[in-house]
Amino acid sequence: MIKHFSIDVYGQVQGVGFRYATYTYAQKYQILGGVENCNDGRVHIEAQGPATQLLTFLEIIKQGPTKWAQVTDVQVQSRPLATYTKFALS
């Protein structure tokens, strides 16, 4: 089953390689969507893929995909499936 999550990650998540590590894990787990820094300091991720792989990906994000990231909060919302063709690094 394919699922789509909209994920907002808070904490020390900018300037620590968070987006690139997220992109790398998305490739590893066959996740489509994208990741971007937001002006308010959070990182926003749209992630779609097989449910099992998506949940593994989400756990990595919650822990912080780099040793420098310090995640303090993660907000996840289920979304309708989208027509992504890749995972974009913005």
N, C-alpha and C. Protein backbone atom coordinates (compact mmCIF):
# COMPACT_ATOMS: atom_id res chain seq x y z
N MET A 1 0.83 -1.18 0.00
CA MET A 1 0.00 0.00 0.00
C MET A 1 0.89 1.25 0.00
N ILE A 2 0.56 2.18 -0.86
CA ILE A 2 1.29 3.44 -0.97
C ILE A 2 0.62 4.48 -0.06
N LYS A 3 1.42 5.24 0.67
CA LYS A 3 0.92 6.31 1.53
C LYS A 3 1.67 7.61 1.24
N HIS A 4 1.06 8.72 1.62
CA HIS A 4 1.65 10.05 1.43
C HIS A 4 1.54 10.81 2.75
N PHE A 5 2.68 11.28 3.23
CA PHE A 5 2.72 12.09 4.46
C PHE A 5 3.27 13.47 4.14
N SER A 6 2.71 14.46 4.81
CA SER A 6 3.26 15.81 4.84
C SER A 6 3.89 15.95 6.22
N ILE A 7 5.20 16.26 6.26
CA ILE A 7 5.96 16.21 7.50
C ILE A 7 6.63 17.57 7.75
N ASP A 8 6.44 18.11 8.95
CA ASP A 8 7.15 19.32 9.36
C ASP A 8 8.06 18.95 10.53
N VAL A 9 9.34 19.31 10.39
CA VAL A 9 10.35 18.93 11.37
C VAL A 9 10.91 20.21 12.00
N TYR A 10 10.93 20.24 13.34
CA TYR A 10 11.37 21.41 14.08
C TYR A 10 12.61 21.08 14.91
N GLY A 11 13.37 22.09 15.25
CA GLY A 11 14.57 21.95 16.05
C GLY A 11 15.77 22.52 15.30
N GLN A 12 16.95 21.99 15.59
CA GLN A 12 18.17 22.39 14.87
C GLN A 12 18.24 21.52 13.62
N VAL A 13 17.52 21.95 12.57
CA VAL A 13 17.38 21.13 11.37
C VAL A 13 17.83 21.85 10.09
N GLN A 14 18.30 23.07 10.23
CA GLN A 14 18.85 23.78 9.08
C GLN A 14 20.33 24.03 9.31
N GLY A 15 21.12 23.91 8.25
CA GLY A 15 22.56 24.14 8.35
C GLY A 15 23.32 22.96 8.94
N VAL A 16 22.67 21.79 8.98
CA VAL A 16 23.30 20.60 9.57
C VAL A 16 23.28 19.40 8.61
N GLY A 17 23.02 19.65 7.34
CA GLY A 17 22.98 18.56 6.35
C GLY A 17 21.68 17.77 6.35
N PHE A 18 20.66 18.31 7.00
CA PHE A 18 19.39 17.60 7.15
C PHE A 18 18.73 17.29 5.81
N ARG A 19 18.63 18.29 4.94
CA ARG A 19 17.95 18.08 3.65
C ARG A 19 18.67 17.05 2.80
N TYR A 20 19.99 17.16 2.71
CA TYR A 20 20.73 16.22 1.87
C TYR A 20 20.62 14.80 2.42
N ALA A 21 20.72 14.64 3.74
CA ALA A 21 20.58 13.31 4.34
C ALA A 21 19.17 12.77 4.11
N THR A 22 18.17 13.64 4.21
CA THR A 22 16.79 13.23 3.94
C THR A 22 16.67 12.75 2.49
N TYR A 23 17.25 13.48 1.58
CA TYR A 23 17.25 13.10 0.17
C TYR A 23 17.91 11.72 -0.02
N THR A 24 19.03 11.49 0.63
CA THR A 24 19.75 10.22 0.53
C THR A 24 18.89 9.07 1.05
N TYR A 25 18.24 9.26 2.19
CA TYR A 25 17.37 8.21 2.74
C TYR A 25 16.13 8.01 1.86
N ALA A 26 15.62 9.07 1.28
CA ALA A 26 14.48 8.93 0.37
C ALA A 26 14.86 8.04 -0.82
N GLN A 27 16.06 8.23 -1.35
CA GLN A 27 16.53 7.39 -2.45
C GLN A 27 16.64 5.93 -1.99
N LYS A 28 17.20 5.72 -0.81
CA LYS A 28 17.40 4.37 -0.28
C LYS A 28 16.07 3.63 -0.10
N TYR A 29 15.05 4.33 0.36
CA TYR A 29 13.77 3.70 0.68
C TYR A 29 12.70 3.92 -0.39
N GLN A 30 13.10 4.39 -1.56
CA GLN A 30 12.20 4.58 -2.70
C GLN A 30 11.02 5.49 -2.36
N ILE A 31 11.34 6.62 -1.72
CA ILE A 31 10.35 7.62 -1.35
C ILE A 31 10.34 8.72 -2.40
N LEU A 32 9.15 9.13 -2.81
CA LEU A 32 8.99 10.23 -3.75
C LEU A 32 8.47 11.45 -3.00
N GLY A 33 8.67 12.64 -3.54
CA GLY A 33 8.18 13.88 -2.92
C GLY A 33 9.24 14.95 -2.94
N GLY A 34 9.58 15.50 -1.78
CA GLY A 34 10.60 16.54 -1.73
C GLY A 34 10.83 17.04 -0.32
N VAL A 35 11.92 17.80 -0.18
CA VAL A 35 12.31 18.38 1.11
C VAL A 35 12.77 19.81 0.87
N GLU A 36 12.41 20.70 1.80
CA GLU A 36 12.82 22.10 1.67
C GLU A 36 12.93 22.76 3.04
N ASN A 37 13.83 23.74 3.14
CA ASN A 37 13.92 24.59 4.32
C ASN A 37 12.80 25.63 4.26
N CYS A 38 12.26 25.99 5.40
CA CYS A 38 11.24 27.02 5.49
C CYS A 38 11.81 28.24 6.21
N ASN A 39 11.24 29.39 5.94
CA ASN A 39 11.73 30.64 6.53
C ASN A 39 11.66 30.65 8.05
N ASP A 40 10.75 29.88 8.64
CA ASP A 40 10.60 29.88 10.10
C ASP A 40 11.54 28.90 10.80
N GLY A 41 12.48 28.28 10.05
CA GLY A 41 13.48 27.40 10.65
C GLY A 41 13.16 25.91 10.62
N ARG A 42 11.94 25.56 10.23
CA ARG A 42 11.60 24.15 10.13
C ARG A 42 11.99 23.59 8.77
N VAL A 43 11.96 22.29 8.65
CA VAL A 43 12.13 21.62 7.36
C VAL A 43 10.80 20.96 7.02
N HIS A 44 10.36 21.15 5.78
CA HIS A 44 9.10 20.55 5.32
C HIS A 44 9.42 19.44 4.33
N ILE A 45 8.76 18.30 4.53
CA ILE A 45 8.96 17.13 3.67
C ILE A 45 7.61 16.64 3.17
N GLU A 46 7.52 16.40 1.88
CA GLU A 46 6.40 15.65 1.31
C GLU A 46 6.99 14.29 0.96
N ALA A 47 6.41 13.23 1.49
CA ALA A 47 6.98 11.90 1.33
C ALA A 47 5.88 10.91 0.96
N GLN A 48 6.11 10.19 -0.12
CA GLN A 48 5.13 9.20 -0.60
C GLN A 48 5.87 7.94 -1.00
N GLY A 49 5.35 6.80 -0.57
CA GLY A 49 5.97 5.54 -0.94
C GLY A 49 5.28 4.38 -0.27
N PRO A 50 5.85 3.17 -0.45
CA PRO A 50 5.29 1.98 0.20
C PRO A 50 5.23 2.18 1.71
N ALA A 51 4.12 1.81 2.32
CA ALA A 51 3.87 2.11 3.74
C ALA A 51 5.01 1.66 4.65
N THR A 52 5.50 0.45 4.50
CA THR A 52 6.56 -0.05 5.38
C THR A 52 7.82 0.79 5.25
N GLN A 53 8.21 1.10 4.03
CA GLN A 53 9.41 1.90 3.79
C GLN A 53 9.21 3.34 4.26
N LEU A 54 8.00 3.86 4.07
CA LEU A 54 7.70 5.23 4.48
C LEU A 54 7.78 5.36 6.01
N LEU A 55 7.31 4.35 6.72
CA LEU A 55 7.38 4.39 8.19
C LEU A 55 8.83 4.30 8.68
N THR A 56 9.65 3.49 8.01
CA THR A 56 11.08 3.43 8.35
C THR A 56 11.74 4.77 8.10
N PHE A 57 11.45 5.37 6.96
CA PHE A 57 11.96 6.70 6.60
C PHE A 57 11.55 7.72 7.67
N LEU A 58 10.29 7.68 8.10
CA LEU A 58 9.79 8.62 9.10
C LEU A 58 10.53 8.47 10.43
N GLU A 59 10.82 7.26 10.83
CA GLU A 59 11.56 7.04 12.08
C GLU A 59 12.97 7.64 12.00
N ILE A 60 13.61 7.53 10.85
CA ILE A 60 14.94 8.12 10.65
C ILE A 60 14.84 9.65 10.77
N ILE A 61 13.82 10.22 10.17
CA ILE A 61 13.61 11.67 10.23
C ILE A 61 13.39 12.11 11.68
N LYS A 62 12.60 11.37 12.43
CA LYS A 62 12.32 11.72 13.83
C LYS A 62 13.58 11.69 14.69
N GLN A 63 14.50 10.79 14.38
CA GLN A 63 15.75 10.70 15.13
C GLN A 63 16.76 11.76 14.69
N GLY A 64 16.55 12.32 13.49
CA GLY A 64 17.51 13.25 12.90
C GLY A 64 18.43 12.47 11.99
N PRO A 65 18.38 12.71 10.69
CA PRO A 65 19.14 11.90 9.74
C PRO A 65 20.65 12.18 9.74
N THR A 66 21.09 13.17 10.50
CA THR A 66 22.53 13.43 10.66
C THR A 66 22.84 13.55 12.15
N LYS A 67 24.10 13.36 12.49
CA LYS A 67 24.47 13.45 13.91
C LYS A 67 24.40 14.88 14.44
N TRP A 68 24.35 15.87 13.56
CA TRP A 68 24.30 17.27 13.97
C TRP A 68 22.87 17.78 14.17
N ALA A 69 21.90 17.09 13.60
CA ALA A 69 20.51 17.52 13.72
C ALA A 69 19.99 17.25 15.14
N GLN A 70 19.18 18.17 15.62
CA GLN A 70 18.53 18.00 16.92
C GLN A 70 17.03 18.25 16.72
N VAL A 71 16.30 17.17 16.50
CA VAL A 71 14.87 17.26 16.24
C VAL A 71 14.13 17.39 17.57
N THR A 72 13.30 18.44 17.67
CA THR A 72 12.52 18.64 18.90
C THR A 72 11.05 18.31 18.71
N ASP A 73 10.57 18.35 17.47
CA ASP A 73 9.15 18.05 17.21
C ASP A 73 9.00 17.66 15.74
N VAL A 74 8.10 16.72 15.50
CA VAL A 74 7.76 16.30 14.14
C VAL A 74 6.25 16.23 14.05
N GLN A 75 5.68 16.93 13.09
CA GLN A 75 4.24 16.89 12.86
C GLN A 75 3.99 16.20 11.52
N VAL A 76 3.16 15.17 11.57
CA VAL A 76 2.90 14.35 10.39
C VAL A 76 1.41 14.36 10.09
N GLN A 77 1.08 14.59 8.83
CA GLN A 77 -0.31 14.53 8.39
C GLN A 77 -0.40 13.63 7.17
N SER A 78 -1.39 12.74 7.15
CA SER A 78 -1.64 11.92 5.96
C SER A 78 -2.27 12.80 4.90
N ARG A 79 -1.89 12.57 3.67
CA ARG A 79 -2.41 13.34 2.53
C ARG A 79 -2.88 12.37 1.44
N PRO A 80 -3.73 12.85 0.54
CA PRO A 80 -4.09 12.03 -0.62
C PRO A 80 -2.85 11.79 -1.48
N LEU A 81 -2.84 10.68 -2.20
CA LEU A 81 -1.70 10.37 -3.06
C LEU A 81 -1.52 11.46 -4.11
N ALA A 82 -0.27 11.72 -4.45
CA ALA A 82 0.09 12.73 -5.45
C ALA A 82 0.81 12.03 -6.60
N THR A 83 1.15 12.78 -7.63
CA THR A 83 1.79 12.21 -8.82
C THR A 83 3.26 12.61 -8.88
N TYR A 84 4.01 12.27 -7.85
CA TYR A 84 5.46 12.54 -7.84
C TYR A 84 6.18 11.56 -8.76
N THR A 85 7.27 12.05 -9.35
CA THR A 85 8.09 11.18 -10.19
C THR A 85 9.50 11.02 -9.64
N LYS A 86 9.83 11.81 -8.60
CA LYS A 86 11.15 11.76 -7.98
C LYS A 86 11.07 12.36 -6.59
N PHE A 87 12.20 12.42 -5.90
CA PHE A 87 12.30 13.13 -4.63
C PHE A 87 13.16 14.35 -4.87
N ALA A 88 12.57 15.53 -4.71
CA ALA A 88 13.27 16.79 -5.03
C ALA A 88 13.93 17.39 -3.79
N LEU A 89 15.14 17.84 -3.97
CA LEU A 89 15.91 18.52 -2.94
C LEU A 89 15.86 20.01 -3.25
N SER A 90 15.11 20.79 -2.45
CA SER A 90 14.96 22.24 -2.70
C SER A 90 15.76 23.03 -1.70
